[in-house]
Amino acid sequence: MIWLAMPLTALLYLLAKKLARRFKSPLLNPILLPALVLMALLAVADLDLADYRQGTRPLSLLLDMAVVAFALPLYQQAAQIRRQLLPILACCGLSVLISVGTTLLIGALVAARPELLASVATKSITTPLAMSVSASLGGIPAIAAGLVIIVGMMGAIIGFPLMRLAGIRDPQAQGIAIGAAAHAIGTGAAAEVGAVQGAFSSLAMVMCGILTALLAPPIFHLYLWLTY
């Protein structure tokens, strides 16, 4: 399967990337398009998902190095980050409170089950942390992982157009917003927009992940104590 999975995955990504550069449409996302095409191919050809995933394992191993590479723009913008560290921390903390708080509020209104809320509350942080925090809250890690991918793709597709529509044009503010809301997938999109956006998105992604791991459990348990 490796001889099919790796070339096909790489080819679809490169084609989607070329289309995105040519037509400049947020819908032509180089992550979303290959994912949709691959899902259709796997369904039509009746290929086993586990076999295909195993075939792309060498590419998956490169993801760890790609995440570590986000540290480079952070280093390049270190002076600006140090000067604004407290406002950045405040923004990330508020983002976590809004993300977790609105999830629990909506869950209370629709009487959602606690395990479902625990799976949804971590939707805005990167997948490994989301699965770990969700499991510690009694959630379902698979649902948490799926929601993280959906939220990340939505942020990468509509994040920058939405901010331009709202008049948010400061690159630092754009980067923090994308990193806080759309984690690694959004950070990849931010890095393509500009070095400053990529650096501040990386920082926000890391900070929001740490703050969610610290703040989500007590907020969730307080919610359970008040509602059950």
Protein backbone atom coordinates (compact mmCIF):
# COMPACT_ATOMS: atom_id res chain seq x y z
CA MET A 1 0.00 0.00 0.00
CA ILE A 2 2.93 2.34 0.64
CA TRP A 3 3.65 2.56 -3.10
CA LEU A 4 0.10 3.81 -3.71
CA ALA A 5 -0.61 5.79 -0.57
CA MET A 6 2.48 7.98 -0.40
CA PRO A 7 2.64 9.13 -4.06
CA LEU A 8 -1.13 9.63 -4.22
CA THR A 9 -1.24 11.68 -1.01
CA ALA A 10 1.71 13.84 -2.08
CA LEU A 11 0.33 14.33 -5.59
CA LEU A 12 -3.11 15.40 -4.35
CA TYR A 13 -1.54 17.85 -1.92
CA LEU A 14 0.68 19.41 -4.58
CA LEU A 15 -2.23 19.71 -7.02
CA ALA A 16 -4.41 21.34 -4.36
CA LYS A 17 -1.57 23.70 -3.48
CA LYS A 18 -1.19 24.71 -7.11
CA LEU A 19 -4.93 25.32 -7.45
CA ALA A 20 -4.97 27.41 -4.27
CA ARG A 21 -2.12 29.61 -5.50
CA ARG A 22 -3.71 30.08 -8.90
CA PHE A 23 -7.30 30.84 -7.94
CA LYS A 24 -6.74 32.41 -4.47
CA SER A 25 -9.94 30.96 -3.04
CA PRO A 26 -10.14 30.01 0.66
CA LEU A 27 -12.26 27.00 -0.33
CA LEU A 28 -9.33 25.53 -2.26
CA ASN A 29 -7.57 24.51 0.92
CA PRO A 30 -4.60 22.15 0.35
CA ILE A 31 -5.63 20.07 3.38
CA LEU A 32 -9.38 19.95 2.82
CA LEU A 33 -9.36 19.12 -0.90
CA PRO A 34 -6.99 16.10 -0.72
CA ALA A 35 -8.90 14.80 2.32
CA LEU A 36 -12.22 14.92 0.45
CA VAL A 37 -10.75 13.29 -2.66
CA LEU A 38 -9.09 10.55 -0.62
CA MET A 39 -12.29 9.80 1.28
CA ALA A 40 -14.14 9.46 -2.02
CA LEU A 41 -11.44 7.22 -3.51
CA LEU A 42 -11.30 4.98 -0.45
CA ALA A 43 -15.08 4.59 -0.52
CA VAL A 44 -15.33 3.95 -4.27
CA ALA A 45 -12.33 1.58 -4.45
CA ASP A 46 -13.32 -0.13 -1.17
CA LEU A 47 -9.81 0.29 0.23
CA ASP A 48 -9.11 -0.36 3.89
CA LEU A 49 -8.49 2.86 5.80
CA ALA A 50 -6.06 1.21 8.21
CA ASP A 51 -3.94 -0.09 5.32
CA TYR A 52 -3.90 3.32 3.66
CA ARG A 53 -2.94 5.02 6.93
CA GLN A 54 -0.11 2.53 7.39
CA GLY A 55 1.04 3.29 3.86
CA THR A 56 1.34 6.99 4.66
CA ARG A 57 3.16 6.43 7.95
CA PRO A 58 6.49 7.85 6.63
CA LEU A 59 4.64 11.08 5.82
CA SER A 60 3.00 11.08 9.25
CA LEU A 61 6.42 10.84 10.89
CA LEU A 62 7.41 14.06 9.11
CA LEU A 63 4.56 15.82 10.91
CA ASP A 64 6.53 15.84 14.16
CA MET A 65 9.40 17.67 12.48
CA ALA A 66 6.98 20.07 10.80
CA VAL A 67 5.48 21.00 14.18
CA VAL A 68 8.95 21.54 15.65
CA ALA A 69 9.74 23.78 12.65
CA PHE A 70 7.09 26.22 13.91
CA ALA A 71 9.72 27.25 16.47
CA LEU A 72 11.73 29.03 13.75
CA PRO A 73 9.30 31.92 13.17
CA LEU A 74 8.89 32.15 16.96
CA TYR A 75 12.64 32.68 17.27
CA GLN A 76 12.61 35.25 14.48
CA GLN A 77 9.88 37.26 16.23
CA ALA A 78 11.22 36.72 19.76
CA ALA A 79 11.86 40.41 20.47
CA GLN A 80 8.30 41.45 19.57
CA ILE A 81 6.86 38.54 21.53
CA ARG A 82 8.80 39.45 24.70
CA ARG A 83 7.56 43.04 24.53
CA GLN A 84 3.92 41.92 24.32
CA LEU A 85 3.95 38.72 26.34
CA LEU A 86 1.36 39.78 28.95
CA PRO A 87 -1.27 40.95 26.41
CA ILE A 88 -0.69 37.76 24.42
CA LEU A 89 -1.20 35.64 27.56
CA ALA A 90 -4.37 37.57 28.39
CA CYS A 91 -5.74 37.05 24.86
CA CYS A 92 -4.98 33.33 24.93
CA GLY A 93 -6.50 32.90 28.39
CA LEU A 94 -9.66 34.72 27.31
CA SER A 95 -9.81 32.60 24.17
CA VAL A 96 -9.69 29.39 26.22
CA LEU A 97 -12.38 30.63 28.61
CA ILE A 98 -14.64 31.59 25.69
CA SER A 99 -14.05 28.32 23.85
CA VAL A 100 -14.69 26.06 26.84
CA GLY A 101 -17.37 28.30 28.37
CA THR A 102 -19.52 28.60 25.24
CA THR A 103 -19.30 24.85 24.72
CA LEU A 104 -20.62 24.18 28.22
CA LEU A 105 -23.26 26.90 27.94
CA ILE A 106 -24.65 25.53 24.69
CA GLY A 107 -24.41 22.02 26.12
CA ALA A 108 -26.49 23.06 29.11
CA LEU A 109 -29.13 24.61 26.84
CA VAL A 110 -29.51 21.42 24.78
CA ALA A 111 -28.99 19.04 27.73
CA ALA A 112 -25.98 17.36 26.13
CA ARG A 113 -24.39 14.41 27.89
CA PRO A 114 -21.23 15.14 29.93
CA GLU A 115 -19.04 12.77 27.88
CA LEU A 116 -20.04 14.58 24.69
CA LEU A 117 -19.30 17.98 26.21
CA ALA A 118 -15.93 16.71 27.41
CA SER A 119 -15.17 15.68 23.82
CA VAL A 120 -16.24 19.03 22.34
CA ALA A 121 -14.66 21.34 24.94
CA THR A 122 -11.13 20.72 23.60
CA LYS A 123 -11.99 21.47 19.96
CA SER A 124 -9.60 24.42 19.58
CA ILE A 125 -6.30 22.84 20.62
CA THR A 126 -4.01 20.51 18.73
CA THR A 127 -5.04 16.86 18.37
CA PRO A 128 -2.75 15.04 20.86
CA LEU A 129 -3.55 17.51 23.65
CA ALA A 130 -7.25 17.50 22.79
CA MET A 131 -7.45 13.71 22.98
CA SER A 132 -5.52 13.61 26.26
CA VAL A 133 -7.49 16.38 27.98
CA SER A 134 -10.80 15.02 26.67
CA ALA A 135 -10.02 11.54 28.00
CA SER A 136 -9.10 12.97 31.41
CA LEU A 137 -12.53 14.64 31.54
CA GLY A 138 -14.33 11.42 30.65
CA GLY A 139 -14.82 12.32 26.99
CA ILE A 140 -14.37 10.30 23.82
CA PRO A 141 -10.91 10.94 22.28
CA ALA A 142 -11.99 9.91 18.77
CA ILE A 143 -14.75 12.54 18.74
CA ALA A 144 -12.33 15.13 20.12
CA ALA A 145 -9.81 14.37 17.37
CA GLY A 146 -12.43 14.60 14.64
CA LEU A 147 -13.71 17.95 15.91
CA VAL A 148 -10.17 19.33 16.15
CA ILE A 149 -9.59 18.55 12.47
CA ILE A 150 -12.94 20.10 11.45
CA VAL A 151 -12.32 23.26 13.49
CA GLY A 152 -8.77 23.56 12.16
CA MET A 153 -9.92 23.28 8.56
CA MET A 154 -12.69 25.82 9.11
CA GLY A 155 -10.19 28.24 10.64
CA ALA A 156 -7.74 27.76 7.79
CA ILE A 157 -10.48 28.30 5.18
CA ILE A 158 -12.53 31.19 6.59
CA GLY A 159 -10.24 32.64 9.28
CA PHE A 160 -8.39 35.27 7.26
CA PRO A 161 -11.35 36.25 5.00
CA LEU A 162 -13.48 36.69 8.13
CA MET A 163 -10.85 38.84 9.84
CA ARG A 164 -10.45 41.01 6.74
CA LEU A 165 -14.23 41.43 6.65
CA ALA A 166 -14.15 42.50 10.31
CA GLY A 167 -11.33 44.98 9.62
CA ILE A 168 -8.68 43.04 11.57
CA ARG A 169 -5.53 43.63 9.54
CA ASP A 170 -2.76 43.69 12.15
CA PRO A 171 -0.57 40.62 11.41
CA GLN A 172 0.09 39.92 15.09
CA ALA A 173 -3.61 39.99 15.96
CA GLN A 174 -4.39 37.79 12.96
CA GLY A 175 -1.79 35.25 14.01
CA ILE A 176 -2.97 35.08 17.62
CA ALA A 177 -6.60 34.68 16.54
CA ILE A 178 -5.82 31.85 14.10
CA GLY A 179 -3.50 30.01 16.49
CA ALA A 180 -5.96 30.27 19.37
CA ALA A 181 -8.93 29.06 17.34
CA ALA A 182 -7.53 26.74 14.68
CA HIS A 183 -4.36 25.22 16.25
CA ALA A 184 -1.79 23.54 13.93
CA ILE A 185 -3.86 23.47 10.73
CA GLY A 186 -4.62 27.16 11.09
CA THR A 187 -1.00 27.88 11.97
CA GLY A 188 0.09 26.25 8.71
CA ALA A 189 -2.27 28.58 6.84
CA ALA A 190 -1.02 31.56 8.85
CA ALA A 191 2.61 30.75 7.99
CA GLU A 192 1.71 30.90 4.30
CA VAL A 193 0.16 34.35 4.74
CA GLY A 194 3.22 35.83 6.45
CA ALA A 195 6.11 35.20 8.83
CA VAL A 196 4.63 37.40 11.58
CA GLN A 197 1.24 35.70 11.37
CA GLY A 198 2.93 32.30 11.47
CA ALA A 199 5.06 33.17 14.51
CA PHE A 200 2.23 34.59 16.60
CA SER A 201 -0.08 31.77 15.55
CA SER A 202 2.52 29.23 16.71
CA LEU A 203 2.80 31.00 20.04
CA ALA A 204 -0.96 31.18 20.53
CA MET A 205 -1.35 27.52 19.59
CA VAL A 206 1.16 26.45 22.27
CA MET A 207 -0.18 28.79 24.95
CA CYS A 208 -3.81 27.87 24.35
CA GLY A 209 -2.92 24.18 24.48
CA ILE A 210 -1.23 24.59 27.86
CA LEU A 211 -3.95 26.86 29.25
CA THR A 212 -6.71 24.51 28.08
CA ALA A 213 -5.01 21.60 29.82
CA LEU A 214 -4.86 23.69 33.02
CA LEU A 215 -8.24 25.46 32.89
CA ALA A 216 -10.61 23.01 31.19
CA PRO A 217 -10.71 20.38 33.99
CA PRO A 218 -11.70 22.75 36.84
CA ILE A 219 -14.21 24.60 34.61
CA PHE A 220 -15.73 21.31 33.47
CA HIS A 221 -16.00 19.92 37.00
CA LEU A 222 -17.55 23.20 38.18
CA TYR A 223 -20.10 22.88 35.38
CA LEU A 224 -20.93 19.31 36.48
CA TRP A 225 -21.26 20.41 40.11
CA LEU A 226 -23.68 23.21 39.15
CA THR A 227 -25.82 21.22 36.73
CA TYR A 228 -25.95 17.69 38.21
